[in-house]
N, C-alpha and C. Protein backbone atom coordinates (compact mmCIF):
# COMPACT_ATOMS: atom_id res chain seq x y z
N UNK A 1 0.75 -1.23 -0.07
CA UNK A 1 -0.13 0.01 0.13
C UNK A 1 0.79 1.21 0.05
N UNK A 2 1.96 1.11 0.73
CA UNK A 2 2.67 2.34 0.78
C UNK A 2 3.63 2.58 -0.47
N UNK A 3 3.90 1.53 -1.41
CA UNK A 3 4.60 1.64 -2.71
C UNK A 3 3.96 2.49 -3.70
N UNK A 4 2.57 2.50 -3.72
CA UNK A 4 1.79 3.50 -4.77
C UNK A 4 2.01 5.03 -4.35
N UNK A 5 1.88 5.51 -3.20
CA UNK A 5 2.41 6.94 -3.13
C UNK A 5 3.91 7.13 -3.30
N UNK A 6 4.57 6.36 -2.95
CA UNK A 6 6.14 6.50 -3.27
C UNK A 6 6.23 6.51 -4.70
N UNK A 7 5.56 5.56 -5.48
CA UNK A 7 5.78 5.66 -6.84
C UNK A 7 5.36 7.06 -7.47
N UNK A 8 4.26 7.43 -6.97
CA UNK A 8 3.65 8.89 -7.57
C UNK A 8 4.54 9.90 -7.10
N UNK A 9 5.14 9.87 -5.84
CA UNK A 9 6.14 11.06 -5.62
C UNK A 9 7.45 10.94 -6.56
N UNK A 10 7.84 9.78 -6.79
CA UNK A 10 9.03 9.65 -7.55
C UNK A 10 8.89 10.02 -8.78
N UNK A 11 7.64 9.77 -9.49
CA UNK A 11 7.25 10.21 -10.75
C UNK A 11 7.03 11.77 -10.92
N UNK A 12 6.47 12.28 -10.12
CA UNK A 12 6.42 13.85 -10.11
C UNK A 12 7.74 14.31 -9.78
N UNK A 13 8.54 13.89 -8.86
CA UNK A 13 10.02 14.51 -8.85
C UNK A 13 10.70 14.37 -10.04
N UNK A 14 10.66 13.24 -10.81
CA UNK A 14 11.32 12.98 -11.94
C UNK A 14 10.97 14.02 -13.06
N UNK A 15 9.43 14.09 -13.11
CA UNK A 15 9.03 14.94 -14.04
C UNK A 15 9.50 16.54 -13.96
N UNK A 16 9.56 16.97 -12.51
CA UNK A 16 10.06 18.35 -12.32
C UNK A 16 11.57 18.39 -12.44
N UNK A 17 12.31 17.43 -12.32
CA UNK A 17 13.86 17.43 -12.69
C UNK A 17 13.91 17.59 -14.19
N UNK A 18 13.30 16.81 -15.00
CA UNK A 18 13.26 16.86 -16.58
C UNK A 18 12.82 18.25 -16.75
N UNK A 19 11.68 18.82 -16.32
CA UNK A 19 11.22 20.11 -16.84
C UNK A 19 12.16 21.33 -16.28
N UNK A 20 12.78 21.14 -15.18
CA UNK A 20 13.77 22.22 -14.83
C UNK A 20 14.96 22.14 -15.92
N UNK A 21 15.47 20.89 -16.20
CA UNK A 21 16.64 20.86 -17.02
C UNK A 21 16.39 21.30 -18.30
N UNK A 22 15.05 20.94 -18.89
CA UNK A 22 14.51 21.61 -20.41
C UNK A 22 14.54 23.29 -20.33
N UNK A 23 14.02 23.62 -19.12
CA UNK A 23 13.84 25.22 -19.05
C UNK A 23 15.27 25.92 -19.04
N UNK A 24 16.23 25.10 -18.14
CA UNK A 24 17.56 25.63 -18.32
C UNK A 24 18.13 25.69 -19.66
N UNK A 25 18.08 24.79 -20.27
CA UNK A 25 18.56 24.52 -21.88
C UNK A 25 18.04 25.59 -22.59
N UNK A 26 16.80 25.92 -22.69
CA UNK A 26 15.97 27.02 -23.37
C UNK A 26 16.75 28.34 -22.99
N UNK A 27 16.73 28.40 -21.64
CA UNK A 27 17.39 30.00 -21.16
C UNK A 27 18.91 30.03 -21.52
N UNK A 28 19.55 29.12 -21.51
CA UNK A 28 21.07 29.09 -22.18
C UNK A 28 21.19 29.05 -23.39
N UNK A 29 20.06 28.81 -24.48
CA UNK A 29 20.16 28.75 -25.69
C UNK A 29 19.94 30.37 -26.04
N UNK A 30 19.70 31.18 -25.27
CA UNK A 30 19.78 32.59 -25.82
C UNK A 30 18.36 32.98 -26.36
N UNK A 31 17.37 32.43 -26.06
CA UNK A 31 16.01 32.85 -26.78
C UNK A 31 15.65 34.34 -26.45
N UNK A 32 16.10 35.40 -27.06
CA UNK A 32 15.58 36.59 -26.80
C UNK A 32 15.36 37.49 -28.11
N UNK A 33 14.80 38.53 -27.84
CA UNK A 33 14.39 39.44 -29.07
C UNK A 33 14.44 40.73 -28.58
N UNK A 34 14.82 41.61 -29.62
CA UNK A 34 15.01 42.96 -29.11
C UNK A 34 13.50 43.67 -29.63
N UNK A 35 13.20 44.85 -29.02
CA UNK A 35 11.90 45.26 -29.57
C UNK A 35 11.71 45.63 -30.85
N UNK A 36 12.88 46.22 -31.45
CA UNK A 36 12.74 46.32 -32.91
C UNK A 36 12.39 44.96 -33.61
N UNK A 37 13.19 44.00 -33.31
CA UNK A 37 12.74 42.74 -33.85
C UNK A 37 11.38 42.19 -33.79
N UNK A 38 10.86 42.46 -32.74
CA UNK A 38 9.49 42.16 -32.32
C UNK A 38 8.52 42.99 -33.17
N UNK A 39 8.94 44.39 -33.25
CA UNK A 39 7.95 45.24 -34.15
C UNK A 39 8.00 45.10 -35.52
N UNK A 40 9.07 44.42 -35.90
CA UNK A 40 9.18 44.18 -37.52
C UNK A 40 8.58 42.90 -37.80
N UNK A 41 8.19 42.06 -37.12
CA UNK A 41 7.75 40.61 -37.18
C UNK A 41 6.32 40.75 -37.84
N UNK A 42 6.11 39.80 -38.57
CA UNK A 42 4.63 39.51 -39.06
C UNK A 42 3.68 39.06 -37.98
N UNK A 43 2.50 39.30 -37.94
CA UNK A 43 1.82 38.82 -36.74
C UNK A 43 1.89 37.29 -36.57
N UNK A 44 2.02 36.53 -37.48
CA UNK A 44 2.00 35.33 -37.16
C UNK A 44 3.45 34.75 -36.46
N UNK A 45 4.50 35.34 -36.91
CA UNK A 45 5.89 35.20 -36.58
C UNK A 45 6.01 35.74 -34.97
N UNK A 46 5.20 36.73 -34.62
CA UNK A 46 5.34 37.56 -33.45
C UNK A 46 4.58 36.45 -32.49
N UNK A 47 3.25 35.87 -32.85
CA UNK A 47 2.58 34.89 -32.05
C UNK A 47 3.55 33.75 -31.64
N UNK A 48 4.35 33.12 -32.82
CA UNK A 48 5.38 32.06 -32.45
C UNK A 48 6.33 32.63 -31.42
N UNK A 49 6.93 33.56 -31.66
CA UNK A 49 7.86 34.31 -30.74
C UNK A 49 7.46 34.30 -29.30
N UNK A 50 6.17 34.89 -29.15
CA UNK A 50 5.49 35.22 -27.76
C UNK A 50 5.46 33.55 -27.11
N UNK A 51 4.85 32.80 -27.97
CA UNK A 51 4.69 31.42 -27.48
C UNK A 51 6.17 30.86 -26.95
N UNK A 52 7.14 30.97 -27.79
CA UNK A 52 8.48 30.24 -27.39
C UNK A 52 8.85 31.26 -26.12
N UNK A 53 8.89 32.55 -25.90
CA UNK A 53 9.12 33.20 -25.01
C UNK A 53 8.51 32.84 -23.60
N UNK A 54 7.20 32.49 -23.83
CA UNK A 54 6.29 32.08 -22.63
C UNK A 54 6.87 30.67 -22.15
N UNK A 55 7.19 29.77 -23.04
CA UNK A 55 7.60 28.37 -22.76
C UNK A 55 9.00 28.51 -22.21
N UNK A 56 9.85 29.34 -22.61
CA UNK A 56 11.20 29.42 -22.02
C UNK A 56 10.92 29.83 -20.53
N UNK A 57 10.00 30.81 -20.11
CA UNK A 57 9.69 31.30 -18.78
C UNK A 57 8.70 30.36 -18.08
N UNK A 58 8.39 29.27 -18.43
CA UNK A 58 7.69 28.38 -17.61
C UNK A 58 6.25 27.94 -17.93
N UNK A 59 5.73 28.60 -18.94
CA UNK A 59 4.37 28.42 -19.25
C UNK A 59 4.40 27.44 -20.46
N UNK A 60 4.15 26.10 -20.05
CA UNK A 60 4.35 25.00 -20.87
C UNK A 60 3.18 24.71 -21.93
N UNK A 61 1.82 25.27 -21.23
CA UNK A 61 0.91 24.90 -21.94
C UNK A 61 0.18 25.84 -22.95
N UNK A 62 1.29 26.60 -23.67
CA UNK A 62 1.07 27.48 -24.60
C UNK A 62 1.05 26.98 -26.10
N UNK A 63 0.39 27.30 -27.00
CA UNK A 63 0.34 26.98 -28.39
C UNK A 63 -0.07 28.22 -29.21
N UNK A 64 0.57 28.17 -30.54
CA UNK A 64 0.15 29.01 -31.46
C UNK A 64 -1.19 28.87 -32.22
N UNK A 65 -1.95 29.77 -32.45
CA UNK A 65 -3.28 29.66 -33.09
C UNK A 65 -3.40 30.68 -34.06
N UNK A 66 -2.43 30.80 -34.90
CA UNK A 66 -2.39 31.86 -36.06
C UNK A 66 -3.80 31.70 -36.81
N UNK A 67 -4.63 32.66 -36.70
CA UNK A 67 -5.70 32.65 -37.42
C UNK A 67 -5.53 33.00 -38.93
N UNK A 68 -6.18 32.48 -39.85
CA UNK A 68 -6.31 32.82 -41.32
C UNK A 68 -7.02 34.07 -41.38
N UNK A 69 -6.59 34.97 -42.08
CA UNK A 69 -7.00 36.34 -42.32
C UNK A 69 -7.15 37.21 -41.12
N UNK A 70 -6.44 37.03 -40.09
CA UNK A 70 -6.23 37.88 -39.05
C UNK A 70 -5.58 39.04 -39.25
N UNK A 71 -5.72 40.14 -38.61
CA UNK A 71 -4.87 41.33 -38.94
C UNK A 71 -4.02 41.52 -37.66
């Protein structure tokens, strides 16, 4: 009976470790944009850039939904 909670604890701990390593790799990768770069981007590229920046900062449930014909 004690094995199941321990298993869940270890799975959660392992997930957090992998997530932290992934986040550190992205931060070390230098994902940065200047304001002029962001200003010059097409709206779909801007949306992707914002999604990537949010993922870099820990918001992993983001996705890009570039709408066709959106201004």
